[in-house]
Amino acid sequence: MPKQKKAARGKHRWIGFRVTNNSERAELNDKLLGCLGSVEWKLFDVIKGEGGTLAIIKIPLANYKKTIAQINNLNEMETLTSSGKIRLVRERLNSSLGTSPSDSP
């Protein structure tokens, strides 16, 4: 079966955010389920740091503003960056940790 063309996959955004406590991936996944409700999303990266946990989720472009607001409405989460390219979000999060992008998996 051939892969879908790029245009057929739909536009999306990657959102990088911080969770103030050090959360495990499963715990963070549960928090996002409660926070984002029916919005379609997928958790990609979870990086534990000194100032909490950094994470990246992928969401459809149509839900971008709603998702940003929902994440920022929680006391324990704040969005840091977003982009249409995951590479850029990873670089920005890694620079906020003080590490180079090549240090992360």
N, C-alpha and C. Protein backbone atom coordinates (compact mmCIF):
# COMPACT_ATOMS: atom_id res chain seq x y z
N MET A 1 0.85 -1.17 0.00
CA MET A 1 0.00 0.00 0.00
C MET A 1 0.90 1.25 0.00
N PRO A 2 0.69 2.15 -0.92
CA PRO A 2 1.56 3.34 -0.99
C PRO A 2 1.28 4.30 0.17
N LYS A 3 2.33 5.07 0.49
CA LYS A 3 2.20 6.07 1.55
C LYS A 3 1.31 7.21 1.07
N GLN A 4 0.66 7.88 2.02
CA GLN A 4 -0.14 9.04 1.68
C GLN A 4 0.77 10.17 1.24
N LYS A 5 0.28 10.96 0.31
CA LYS A 5 1.01 12.16 -0.10
C LYS A 5 1.00 13.15 1.05
N LYS A 6 1.95 14.07 1.03
CA LYS A 6 2.08 15.03 2.12
C LYS A 6 0.81 15.85 2.34
N ALA A 7 0.19 16.30 1.28
CA ALA A 7 -1.01 17.14 1.39
C ALA A 7 -2.19 16.37 2.02
N ALA A 8 -2.24 15.07 1.83
CA ALA A 8 -3.34 14.27 2.35
C ALA A 8 -3.20 13.97 3.85
N ARG A 9 -2.01 14.19 4.40
CA ARG A 9 -1.79 13.89 5.81
C ARG A 9 -2.32 14.97 6.74
N GLY A 10 -2.61 16.13 6.24
CA GLY A 10 -3.14 17.20 7.07
C GLY A 10 -2.04 17.99 7.76
N LYS A 11 -2.37 19.22 8.10
CA LYS A 11 -1.40 20.07 8.79
C LYS A 11 -1.50 19.84 10.28
N HIS A 12 -0.35 19.97 10.93
CA HIS A 12 -0.30 19.76 12.37
C HIS A 12 0.72 20.71 12.99
N ARG A 13 0.73 20.76 14.31
CA ARG A 13 1.70 21.56 15.05
C ARG A 13 2.28 20.69 16.16
N TRP A 14 3.53 20.96 16.45
CA TRP A 14 4.23 20.34 17.57
C TRP A 14 4.29 21.37 18.68
N ILE A 15 3.91 21.01 19.89
CA ILE A 15 3.92 21.93 21.02
C ILE A 15 4.88 21.39 22.09
N GLY A 16 5.83 22.23 22.47
CA GLY A 16 6.75 21.89 23.55
C GLY A 16 6.30 22.61 24.81
N PHE A 17 6.22 21.88 25.91
CA PHE A 17 5.76 22.48 27.15
C PHE A 17 6.48 21.90 28.35
N ARG A 18 6.38 22.60 29.48
CA ARG A 18 7.01 22.19 30.73
C ARG A 18 5.95 21.80 31.74
N VAL A 19 6.22 20.73 32.46
CA VAL A 19 5.40 20.31 33.59
C VAL A 19 6.26 20.56 34.83
N THR A 20 5.75 21.29 35.81
CA THR A 20 6.57 21.73 36.94
C THR A 20 7.11 20.59 37.79
N ASN A 21 6.39 19.49 37.89
CA ASN A 21 6.92 18.36 38.65
C ASN A 21 7.51 17.34 37.67
N ASN A 22 8.35 16.47 38.18
CA ASN A 22 8.95 15.42 37.34
C ASN A 22 7.95 14.29 37.16
N SER A 23 7.30 14.27 36.02
CA SER A 23 6.28 13.28 35.74
C SER A 23 6.84 12.16 34.87
N GLU A 24 6.38 10.97 35.13
CA GLU A 24 6.68 9.84 34.25
C GLU A 24 5.81 9.96 33.01
N ARG A 25 6.17 9.27 31.96
CA ARG A 25 5.43 9.33 30.70
C ARG A 25 3.97 8.93 30.88
N ALA A 26 3.71 7.84 31.60
CA ALA A 26 2.34 7.36 31.80
C ALA A 26 1.51 8.37 32.60
N GLU A 27 2.13 8.96 33.63
CA GLU A 27 1.44 9.95 34.45
C GLU A 27 1.11 11.20 33.62
N LEU A 28 2.06 11.64 32.80
CA LEU A 28 1.84 12.80 31.94
C LEU A 28 0.76 12.51 30.91
N ASN A 29 0.76 11.31 30.37
CA ASN A 29 -0.26 10.90 29.40
C ASN A 29 -1.65 10.99 30.03
N ASP A 30 -1.79 10.54 31.28
CA ASP A 30 -3.07 10.61 31.98
C ASP A 30 -3.51 12.05 32.22
N LYS A 31 -2.56 12.92 32.60
CA LYS A 31 -2.87 14.34 32.81
C LYS A 31 -3.37 14.98 31.52
N LEU A 32 -2.71 14.66 30.40
CA LEU A 32 -3.11 15.23 29.12
C LEU A 32 -4.49 14.72 28.69
N LEU A 33 -4.77 13.46 28.97
CA LEU A 33 -6.10 12.92 28.65
C LEU A 33 -7.19 13.72 29.36
N GLY A 34 -6.96 14.04 30.63
CA GLY A 34 -7.93 14.81 31.39
C GLY A 34 -8.01 16.26 30.94
N CYS A 35 -6.89 16.81 30.56
CA CYS A 35 -6.81 18.23 30.18
C CYS A 35 -7.35 18.50 28.78
N LEU A 36 -6.95 17.68 27.82
CA LEU A 36 -7.27 17.96 26.42
C LEU A 36 -8.58 17.34 25.95
N GLY A 37 -9.13 16.44 26.72
CA GLY A 37 -10.44 15.89 26.39
C GLY A 37 -10.50 15.25 25.02
N SER A 38 -11.37 15.77 24.17
CA SER A 38 -11.64 15.15 22.88
C SER A 38 -10.69 15.60 21.77
N VAL A 39 -9.74 16.49 22.07
CA VAL A 39 -8.79 16.94 21.06
C VAL A 39 -7.87 15.78 20.70
N GLU A 40 -7.65 15.59 19.41
CA GLU A 40 -6.74 14.54 18.94
C GLU A 40 -5.30 14.98 19.20
N TRP A 41 -4.49 14.16 19.87
CA TRP A 41 -3.10 14.50 20.15
C TRP A 41 -2.29 13.24 20.32
N LYS A 42 -0.95 13.39 20.23
CA LYS A 42 -0.06 12.27 20.46
C LYS A 42 1.18 12.78 21.19
N LEU A 43 1.54 12.12 22.28
CA LEU A 43 2.71 12.48 23.07
C LEU A 43 3.95 11.86 22.41
N PHE A 44 4.95 12.69 22.13
CA PHE A 44 6.16 12.19 21.48
C PHE A 44 7.34 12.10 22.43
N ASP A 45 7.87 13.23 22.88
CA ASP A 45 9.07 13.23 23.72
C ASP A 45 8.72 13.61 25.15
N VAL A 46 9.40 12.97 26.09
CA VAL A 46 9.31 13.34 27.50
C VAL A 46 10.75 13.37 28.02
N ILE A 47 11.18 14.56 28.48
CA ILE A 47 12.55 14.75 28.93
C ILE A 47 12.51 15.27 30.36
N LYS A 48 13.10 14.52 31.28
CA LYS A 48 13.15 14.97 32.68
C LYS A 48 14.35 15.89 32.85
N GLY A 49 14.12 17.00 33.53
CA GLY A 49 15.18 17.96 33.81
C GLY A 49 15.11 18.43 35.25
N GLU A 50 16.00 19.35 35.60
CA GLU A 50 16.03 19.87 36.97
C GLU A 50 14.79 20.70 37.29
N GLY A 51 14.29 21.45 36.31
CA GLY A 51 13.15 22.33 36.54
C GLY A 51 11.81 21.68 36.26
N GLY A 52 11.78 20.38 36.12
CA GLY A 52 10.55 19.67 35.81
C GLY A 52 10.71 18.80 34.59
N THR A 53 9.62 18.47 33.98
CA THR A 53 9.62 17.61 32.81
C THR A 53 9.26 18.43 31.57
N LEU A 54 10.00 18.21 30.49
CA LEU A 54 9.68 18.83 29.21
C LEU A 54 9.05 17.78 28.32
N ALA A 55 8.07 18.17 27.53
CA ALA A 55 7.38 17.21 26.67
C ALA A 55 6.99 17.86 25.36
N ILE A 56 6.76 17.02 24.35
CA ILE A 56 6.32 17.47 23.03
C ILE A 56 5.11 16.65 22.62
N ILE A 57 4.05 17.36 22.18
CA ILE A 57 2.88 16.68 21.64
C ILE A 57 2.63 17.16 20.22
N LYS A 58 1.98 16.31 19.45
CA LYS A 58 1.58 16.63 18.07
C LYS A 58 0.07 16.77 18.05
N ILE A 59 -0.41 17.88 17.46
CA ILE A 59 -1.85 18.12 17.37
C ILE A 59 -2.22 18.61 15.98
N PRO A 60 -3.46 18.43 15.56
CA PRO A 60 -3.91 18.99 14.28
C PRO A 60 -3.92 20.52 14.35
N LEU A 61 -3.60 21.16 13.25
CA LEU A 61 -3.53 22.61 13.20
C LEU A 61 -4.85 23.26 13.61
N ALA A 62 -5.96 22.65 13.28
CA ALA A 62 -7.28 23.21 13.61
C ALA A 62 -7.48 23.34 15.12
N ASN A 63 -6.81 22.52 15.93
CA ASN A 63 -6.97 22.54 17.39
C ASN A 63 -5.84 23.27 18.11
N TYR A 64 -4.98 23.93 17.36
CA TYR A 64 -3.77 24.53 17.93
C TYR A 64 -4.06 25.55 19.04
N LYS A 65 -4.83 26.57 18.75
CA LYS A 65 -5.08 27.63 19.74
C LYS A 65 -5.82 27.09 20.97
N LYS A 66 -6.78 26.22 20.74
CA LYS A 66 -7.55 25.63 21.84
C LYS A 66 -6.63 24.81 22.75
N THR A 67 -5.73 24.04 22.16
CA THR A 67 -4.82 23.20 22.93
C THR A 67 -3.84 24.03 23.74
N ILE A 68 -3.30 25.09 23.13
CA ILE A 68 -2.39 25.98 23.85
C ILE A 68 -3.09 26.55 25.09
N ALA A 69 -4.31 27.01 24.92
CA ALA A 69 -5.07 27.59 26.03
C ALA A 69 -5.33 26.55 27.12
N GLN A 70 -5.68 25.33 26.73
CA GLN A 70 -5.98 24.29 27.71
C GLN A 70 -4.74 23.91 28.51
N ILE A 71 -3.59 23.82 27.86
CA ILE A 71 -2.35 23.49 28.57
C ILE A 71 -1.98 24.61 29.53
N ASN A 72 -2.07 25.84 29.06
CA ASN A 72 -1.68 26.98 29.90
C ASN A 72 -2.67 27.25 31.03
N ASN A 73 -3.89 26.74 30.94
CA ASN A 73 -4.87 26.92 32.02
C ASN A 73 -4.56 26.05 33.23
N LEU A 74 -3.75 25.03 33.05
CA LEU A 74 -3.37 24.19 34.18
C LEU A 74 -2.22 24.85 34.93
N ASN A 75 -2.26 24.81 36.25
CA ASN A 75 -1.21 25.43 37.06
C ASN A 75 0.14 24.76 36.89
N GLU A 76 0.14 23.46 36.64
CA GLU A 76 1.40 22.71 36.60
C GLU A 76 2.03 22.62 35.22
N MET A 77 1.38 23.17 34.19
CA MET A 77 1.93 23.10 32.83
C MET A 77 1.99 24.48 32.19
N GLU A 78 3.02 24.68 31.36
CA GLU A 78 3.11 25.91 30.58
C GLU A 78 3.76 25.59 29.24
N THR A 79 3.21 26.16 28.17
CA THR A 79 3.79 25.95 26.86
C THR A 79 5.03 26.82 26.72
N LEU A 80 6.05 26.29 26.04
CA LEU A 80 7.30 27.00 25.85
C LEU A 80 7.53 27.37 24.39
N THR A 81 7.15 26.48 23.48
CA THR A 81 7.41 26.71 22.07
C THR A 81 6.47 25.85 21.23
N SER A 82 6.35 26.20 19.97
CA SER A 82 5.58 25.38 19.03
C SER A 82 6.08 25.65 17.62
N SER A 83 5.84 24.69 16.75
CA SER A 83 6.29 24.82 15.37
C SER A 83 5.61 23.75 14.53
N GLY A 84 5.74 23.89 13.23
CA GLY A 84 5.28 22.86 12.31
C GLY A 84 6.31 21.77 12.11
N LYS A 85 7.51 21.95 12.70
CA LYS A 85 8.59 20.97 12.56
C LYS A 85 9.06 20.54 13.95
N ILE A 86 9.07 19.23 14.18
CA ILE A 86 9.47 18.71 15.48
C ILE A 86 10.93 19.01 15.76
N ARG A 87 11.76 19.06 14.74
CA ARG A 87 13.18 19.34 14.92
C ARG A 87 13.39 20.69 15.61
N LEU A 88 12.63 21.69 15.20
CA LEU A 88 12.76 23.01 15.79
C LEU A 88 12.31 23.03 17.25
N VAL A 89 11.24 22.33 17.55
CA VAL A 89 10.75 22.27 18.94
C VAL A 89 11.78 21.56 19.81
N ARG A 90 12.35 20.46 19.32
CA ARG A 90 13.38 19.74 20.08
C ARG A 90 14.59 20.63 20.34
N GLU A 91 15.04 21.36 19.34
CA GLU A 91 16.19 22.25 19.50
C GLU A 91 15.91 23.32 20.55
N ARG A 92 14.73 23.91 20.50
CA ARG A 92 14.38 24.96 21.45
C ARG A 92 14.28 24.43 22.88
N LEU A 93 13.69 23.24 23.04
CA LEU A 93 13.60 22.66 24.38
C LEU A 93 14.98 22.28 24.90
N ASN A 94 15.81 21.72 24.04
CA ASN A 94 17.16 21.36 24.46
C ASN A 94 17.97 22.60 24.83
N SER A 95 17.77 23.70 24.13
CA SER A 95 18.50 24.92 24.49
C SER A 95 18.01 25.46 25.83
N SER A 96 16.75 25.23 26.16
CA SER A 96 16.26 25.68 27.47
C SER A 96 16.83 24.81 28.59
N LEU A 97 17.23 23.58 28.26
CA LEU A 97 17.88 22.70 29.24
C LEU A 97 19.37 22.98 29.34
N GLY A 98 19.91 23.64 28.31
CA GLY A 98 21.34 23.91 28.29
C GLY A 98 22.15 22.78 27.69
N THR A 99 21.51 21.91 26.91
CA THR A 99 22.21 20.82 26.24
C THR A 99 22.10 21.01 24.75
N SER A 100 22.97 20.34 24.04
CA SER A 100 22.90 20.43 22.58
C SER A 100 21.92 19.39 22.06
N PRO A 101 21.32 19.62 20.88
CA PRO A 101 20.35 18.66 20.35
C PRO A 101 20.92 17.28 20.13
N SER A 102 22.22 17.18 19.90
CA SER A 102 22.82 15.87 19.66
C SER A 102 22.92 15.03 20.94
N ASP A 103 22.72 15.67 22.11
CA ASP A 103 22.78 14.93 23.38
C ASP A 103 21.52 14.13 23.65
N SER A 104 20.43 14.45 22.95
CA SER A 104 19.16 13.77 23.22
C SER A 104 18.97 12.63 22.23
N PRO A 105 18.18 11.62 22.61
CA PRO A 105 17.97 10.47 21.71
C PRO A 105 17.13 10.83 20.52
